[in-house]
Amino acid sequence: MAEFRLEVDKMFLEKMNYLDVEKYLKTRDTVVIPVGSIENHGKHMPLGTDTMIPHRIAELYSAMSDTVIAPTVNYGATADIVGFPGTISLGVEGLRALLERICDQLYDYGFRHFIILNGHGGNSKSITEVGHHLYAKGAILANLNWWLIAGELRPEWKGGHGGGEETAAVMGIDPALIHTEYLEEGEGIRNDVSNELPSASWMDVNFKGGSVTIPRPIRSITDNGWLTHGMSIDPPTKATQAWGVEMLNTMAEYMRDFTVAFDKVALSKIK
């Protein structure tokens, strides 16, 4: 296969012209789409946490891979966190429709291998539905949830919403974005349903050792908004810039290696 290479920063679709894309598609059909959200992550974290992290990983990845990177999708499906000012949710259907339209247009130009670099768990249902849509057309989608993969690669990195893992990642981008005066403030979880049904993980409550989901806004559970639910291994106070930089680079390297394997997937075998 002939080698295609542009300057590193030109692997971002918005910095290419249509001739660059045509040339790329003569030898490759893989595209990366970072997807995030704008939502509360606690008083110490910026609203754009879930967008900035995958975008930064994509920037690091661009120095290691000759793969086209589409513009980062800044909005996600985060209806459960609406109520904290600044949080904006497209909803599951809204995000699905947006991603499907983006992917369909890229498909029409010749892209067939789609890598979603996801920064928010609430986006997963929409991404999965788009993956099924593309598969039926003879294309394939892989969803890389960066925070889950990072925790699998290094168990000590595993974290929750707004905890040490995400705080470290943002520190690795720009430490000034962290409001350190709030790092010591706890989650402030309250038993908003009843004391007999205490709050457990996210929207779950606990009853006699079992977890039961009761959908409700996260703000009814906490006025802070970072939630690791007592995971002692993931307090935001544990985060360091060095951890964040190492983790972001590790994820970029993982993506680089994954792309090589994913490129080899024969589409003739998926239908």
Protein backbone atom coordinates (compact mmCIF):
# COMPACT_ATOMS: atom_id res chain seq x y z
CA MET A 1 0.00 0.00 0.00
CA ALA A 2 1.40 3.42 -0.93
CA GLU A 3 2.31 5.63 2.00
CA PHE A 4 0.26 8.75 2.61
CA ARG A 5 1.62 11.45 4.89
CA LEU A 6 0.76 15.03 5.62
CA GLU A 7 2.24 17.33 8.23
CA VAL A 8 1.04 16.18 11.65
CA ASP A 9 -1.36 19.07 12.31
CA LYS A 10 -2.92 18.60 8.88
CA MET A 11 -4.32 15.19 9.83
CA PHE A 12 -7.21 17.12 11.35
CA LEU A 13 -9.99 17.24 8.78
CA GLU A 14 -10.63 20.94 9.32
CA LYS A 15 -7.02 21.70 8.30
CA MET A 16 -7.17 19.63 5.10
CA ASN A 17 -8.57 20.61 1.73
CA TYR A 18 -10.68 18.31 -0.41
CA LEU A 19 -7.68 17.26 -2.50
CA ASP A 20 -5.95 16.05 0.67
CA VAL A 21 -9.00 13.96 1.52
CA GLU A 22 -9.20 12.49 -1.98
CA LYS A 23 -5.52 11.54 -1.85
CA TYR A 24 -5.92 9.99 1.60
CA LEU A 25 -8.88 7.88 0.49
CA LYS A 26 -6.83 6.31 -2.29
CA THR A 27 -4.96 4.30 0.35
CA ARG A 28 -6.86 4.57 3.66
CA ASP A 29 -10.50 4.61 4.73
CA THR A 30 -10.14 5.08 8.51
CA VAL A 31 -11.32 8.17 10.37
CA VAL A 32 -11.20 9.10 14.06
CA ILE A 33 -14.08 11.08 15.57
CA PRO A 34 -13.54 12.39 19.12
CA VAL A 35 -16.85 12.78 20.99
CA GLY A 36 -17.37 14.51 24.32
CA SER A 37 -19.95 16.48 26.26
CA ILE A 38 -20.49 19.75 28.09
CA GLU A 39 -21.53 18.86 31.62
CA ASN A 40 -20.83 19.39 35.29
CA HIS A 41 -17.97 17.38 36.80
CA GLY A 42 -17.96 18.97 40.23
CA LYS A 43 -16.95 22.39 41.44
CA HIS A 44 -13.28 21.70 40.85
CA MET A 45 -13.59 20.69 37.17
CA PRO A 46 -14.42 22.52 33.90
CA LEU A 47 -17.67 21.77 32.09
CA GLY A 48 -15.72 20.72 29.01
CA THR A 49 -13.80 17.93 30.75
CA ASP A 50 -15.29 15.14 28.61
CA THR A 51 -14.53 17.07 25.42
CA MET A 52 -11.07 18.38 26.22
CA ILE A 53 -9.65 14.99 27.22
CA PRO A 54 -10.44 13.05 24.01
CA HIS A 55 -9.46 16.11 21.96
CA ARG A 56 -6.07 16.23 23.66
CA ILE A 57 -5.58 12.49 23.18
CA ALA A 58 -6.38 13.02 19.48
CA GLU A 59 -3.77 15.78 19.27
CA LEU A 60 -1.12 13.49 20.77
CA TYR A 61 -2.26 10.64 18.52
CA SER A 62 -1.91 12.85 15.44
CA ALA A 63 1.84 12.96 16.05
CA MET A 64 1.96 9.15 15.94
CA SER A 65 -0.52 8.23 13.21
CA ASP A 66 -1.32 9.27 9.65
CA THR A 67 -5.06 8.87 10.26
CA VAL A 68 -7.62 11.55 9.50
CA ILE A 69 -9.22 13.04 12.62
CA ALA A 70 -12.65 14.64 12.23
CA PRO A 71 -13.60 17.71 14.30
CA THR A 72 -14.40 16.92 17.92
CA VAL A 73 -18.12 16.66 18.70
CA ASN A 74 -18.47 18.90 21.74
CA TYR A 75 -22.00 17.97 22.84
CA GLY A 76 -23.26 14.64 24.12
CA ALA A 77 -26.12 12.79 25.79
CA THR A 78 -26.09 13.90 29.40
CA ALA A 79 -29.71 14.46 30.40
CA ASP A 80 -29.17 13.13 33.93
CA ILE A 81 -26.73 15.98 34.71
CA VAL A 82 -28.92 18.78 33.33
CA GLY A 83 -29.77 21.04 36.24
CA PHE A 84 -26.20 22.14 36.85
CA PRO A 85 -25.96 25.45 34.91
CA GLY A 86 -23.91 25.16 31.75
CA THR A 87 -24.65 21.48 31.17
CA ILE A 88 -26.06 21.01 27.65
CA SER A 89 -27.51 17.71 26.48
CA LEU A 90 -28.47 16.61 22.97
CA GLY A 91 -30.14 13.53 24.43
CA VAL A 92 -29.55 9.99 23.20
CA GLU A 93 -31.60 10.47 20.05
CA GLY A 94 -30.14 13.89 19.29
CA LEU A 95 -26.58 12.63 19.55
CA ARG A 96 -27.39 9.51 17.54
CA ALA A 97 -28.88 11.63 14.75
CA LEU A 98 -25.88 13.97 14.71
CA LEU A 99 -23.28 11.18 14.68
CA GLU A 100 -25.22 9.20 12.08
CA ARG A 101 -25.34 12.22 9.79
CA ILE A 102 -21.61 12.87 10.23
CA CYS A 103 -20.72 9.22 9.61
CA ASP A 104 -23.07 8.88 6.63
CA GLN A 105 -21.45 11.87 4.93
CA LEU A 106 -17.98 10.48 5.57
CA TYR A 107 -19.19 7.08 4.32
CA ASP A 108 -20.41 8.67 1.09
CA TYR A 109 -16.88 9.98 0.47
CA GLY A 110 -15.39 6.52 1.01
CA PHE A 111 -14.59 6.16 4.71
CA ARG A 112 -15.40 2.67 6.05
CA HIS A 113 -13.44 2.23 9.31
CA PHE A 114 -14.75 4.58 12.02
CA ILE A 115 -13.01 5.03 15.38
CA ILE A 116 -14.97 6.96 18.00
CA LEU A 117 -12.78 8.33 20.79
CA ASN A 118 -15.42 8.79 23.47
CA GLY A 119 -15.13 10.95 26.56
CA HIS A 120 -18.55 10.42 28.18
CA GLY A 121 -20.33 7.25 29.26
CA GLY A 122 -23.77 8.64 28.49
CA ASN A 123 -22.83 8.77 24.80
CA SER A 124 -22.36 5.01 24.51
CA LYS A 125 -25.94 4.10 23.60
CA SER A 126 -26.00 6.60 20.73
CA ILE A 127 -22.59 5.45 19.49
CA THR A 128 -23.65 1.80 19.60
CA GLU A 129 -26.75 2.53 17.52
CA VAL A 130 -24.64 4.35 14.93
CA GLY A 131 -22.26 1.39 14.89
CA HIS A 132 -25.11 -0.97 14.03
CA HIS A 133 -26.27 1.46 11.32
CA LEU A 134 -22.81 1.52 9.72
CA TYR A 135 -22.34 -2.23 10.01
CA ALA A 136 -25.52 -2.79 8.00
CA LYS A 137 -23.98 -0.65 5.24
CA GLY A 138 -20.76 -2.64 5.12
CA ALA A 139 -18.69 -0.34 7.35
CA ILE A 140 -17.41 -0.86 10.89
CA LEU A 141 -17.22 1.32 14.01
CA ALA A 142 -15.07 0.93 17.13
CA ASN A 143 -15.89 2.86 20.30
CA LEU A 144 -12.90 3.63 22.52
CA ASN A 145 -14.05 4.82 25.96
CA TRP A 146 -10.76 6.37 27.04
CA TRP A 147 -11.36 6.33 30.82
CA LEU A 148 -12.35 2.65 30.87
CA ILE A 149 -9.40 1.60 28.72
CA ALA A 150 -6.98 3.65 30.83
CA GLY A 151 -8.27 1.92 33.97
CA GLU A 152 -7.83 -1.48 32.33
CA LEU A 153 -4.30 -0.71 31.18
CA ARG A 154 -3.34 0.57 34.63
CA PRO A 155 -5.79 -0.42 37.40
CA GLU A 156 -4.49 2.35 39.66
CA TRP A 157 -5.81 4.85 37.10
CA LYS A 158 -9.39 3.58 37.29
CA GLY A 159 -11.82 6.29 38.30
CA GLY A 160 -15.30 7.74 38.36
CA HIS A 161 -17.08 10.93 37.33
CA GLY A 162 -14.91 13.91 38.25
CA GLY A 163 -12.59 11.82 40.43
CA GLY A 164 -8.83 11.48 40.37
CA GLU A 165 -8.58 9.95 36.90
CA GLU A 166 -10.41 12.75 35.09
CA THR A 167 -8.91 15.44 37.32
CA ALA A 168 -5.42 14.19 36.48
CA ALA A 169 -6.24 14.16 32.77
CA VAL A 170 -7.36 17.80 32.86
CA MET A 171 -4.25 18.71 34.87
CA GLY A 172 -2.26 17.05 32.09
CA ILE A 173 -3.88 19.47 29.63
CA ASP A 174 -3.82 22.66 31.72
CA PRO A 175 -3.50 22.66 35.54
CA ALA A 176 -5.01 26.15 35.65
CA LEU A 177 -8.38 24.66 34.68
CA ILE A 178 -8.67 22.91 38.07
CA HIS A 179 -10.26 24.90 40.91
CA THR A 180 -7.97 23.58 43.62
CA GLU A 181 -9.92 25.35 46.38
CA TYR A 182 -12.68 22.76 45.89
CA LEU A 183 -10.53 19.62 45.68
CA GLU A 184 -11.08 18.78 49.35
CA GLU A 185 -14.85 19.21 49.13
CA GLY A 186 -16.59 15.85 49.26
CA GLU A 187 -19.20 14.42 46.95
CA GLY A 188 -21.98 15.40 49.34
CA ILE A 189 -24.15 12.44 48.39
CA ARG A 190 -27.52 12.40 50.10
CA ASN A 191 -30.21 9.73 50.35
CA ASP A 192 -32.71 11.71 48.32
CA VAL A 193 -35.15 8.82 47.80
CA SER A 194 -35.30 7.54 51.39
CA ASN A 195 -33.01 6.32 54.13
CA GLU A 196 -34.32 2.81 53.51
CA LEU A 197 -33.19 3.13 49.87
CA PRO A 198 -29.79 4.84 50.20
CA SER A 199 -28.04 6.27 47.16
CA ALA A 200 -25.54 3.89 45.60
CA SER A 201 -23.81 4.13 42.22
CA TRP A 202 -24.98 7.00 39.99
CA MET A 203 -28.82 6.78 39.84
CA ASP A 204 -28.95 3.45 41.69
CA VAL A 205 -30.14 2.90 45.23
CA ASN A 206 -29.29 -0.04 47.45
CA PHE A 207 -31.88 -2.38 48.89
CA LYS A 208 -30.86 -5.44 50.87
CA GLY A 209 -27.57 -5.70 49.00
CA GLY A 210 -29.04 -5.28 45.53
CA SER A 211 -28.77 -2.27 43.23
CA VAL A 212 -31.99 -0.77 41.87
CA THR A 213 -32.00 2.05 39.29
CA ILE A 214 -34.33 4.97 39.99
CA PRO A 215 -33.89 7.52 37.16
CA ARG A 216 -33.64 11.06 38.52
CA PRO A 217 -31.44 14.12 38.07
CA ILE A 218 -27.99 13.83 39.59
CA ARG A 219 -28.50 17.19 41.27
CA SER A 220 -31.12 15.57 43.49
CA ILE A 221 -28.32 13.34 44.80
CA THR A 222 -25.52 15.91 45.14
CA ASP A 223 -24.99 19.66 44.80
CA ASN A 224 -21.33 19.15 43.94
CA GLY A 225 -21.54 16.78 41.02
CA TRP A 226 -18.41 14.67 41.09
CA LEU A 227 -19.42 11.10 41.85
CA THR A 228 -17.15 8.17 42.57
CA HIS A 229 -19.44 6.94 45.35
CA GLY A 230 -16.86 6.40 48.01
CA MET A 231 -14.18 4.90 45.72
CA SER A 232 -11.24 5.54 48.04
CA ILE A 233 -8.86 4.87 45.16
CA ASP A 234 -10.16 7.81 43.11
CA PRO A 235 -10.44 11.04 45.09
CA PRO A 236 -9.63 14.15 43.03
CA THR A 237 -7.05 15.09 45.67
CA LYS A 238 -4.97 12.16 44.39
CA ALA A 239 -4.57 13.69 40.93
CA THR A 240 -1.28 15.07 39.66
CA GLN A 241 -0.21 16.69 36.42
CA ALA A 242 2.46 14.03 35.89
CA TRP A 243 -0.16 11.29 36.14
CA GLY A 244 -2.35 13.09 33.63
CA VAL A 245 0.43 13.62 31.10
CA GLU A 246 1.50 9.97 31.30
CA MET A 247 -2.09 8.73 31.01
CA LEU A 248 -2.91 10.92 28.00
CA ASN A 249 0.24 9.80 26.19
CA THR A 250 -0.44 6.17 27.05
CA MET A 251 -3.93 6.44 25.57
CA ALA A 252 -2.56 8.06 22.39
CA GLU A 253 -0.07 5.20 22.01
CA TYR A 254 -2.84 2.66 22.62
CA MET A 255 -4.93 4.32 19.90
CA ARG A 256 -2.00 4.26 17.51
CA ASP A 257 -1.55 0.53 17.99
CA PHE A 258 -5.29 -0.15 17.87
CA THR A 259 -5.59 1.74 14.57
CA VAL A 260 -2.99 -0.52 12.96
CA ALA A 261 -5.00 -3.60 13.96
CA PHE A 262 -8.36 -2.03 13.09
CA ASP A 263 -7.17 -1.01 9.63
CA LYS A 264 -6.65 -4.70 8.86
CA VAL A 265 -10.28 -5.66 9.50
CA ALA A 266 -11.58 -6.95 6.18
CA LEU A 267 -14.99 -5.45 5.52
CA SER A 268 -15.90 -8.36 3.26
CA LYS A 269 -16.05 -10.50 6.41
CA ILE A 270 -18.49 -8.38 8.38
CA LYS A 271 -21.62 -8.89 6.29
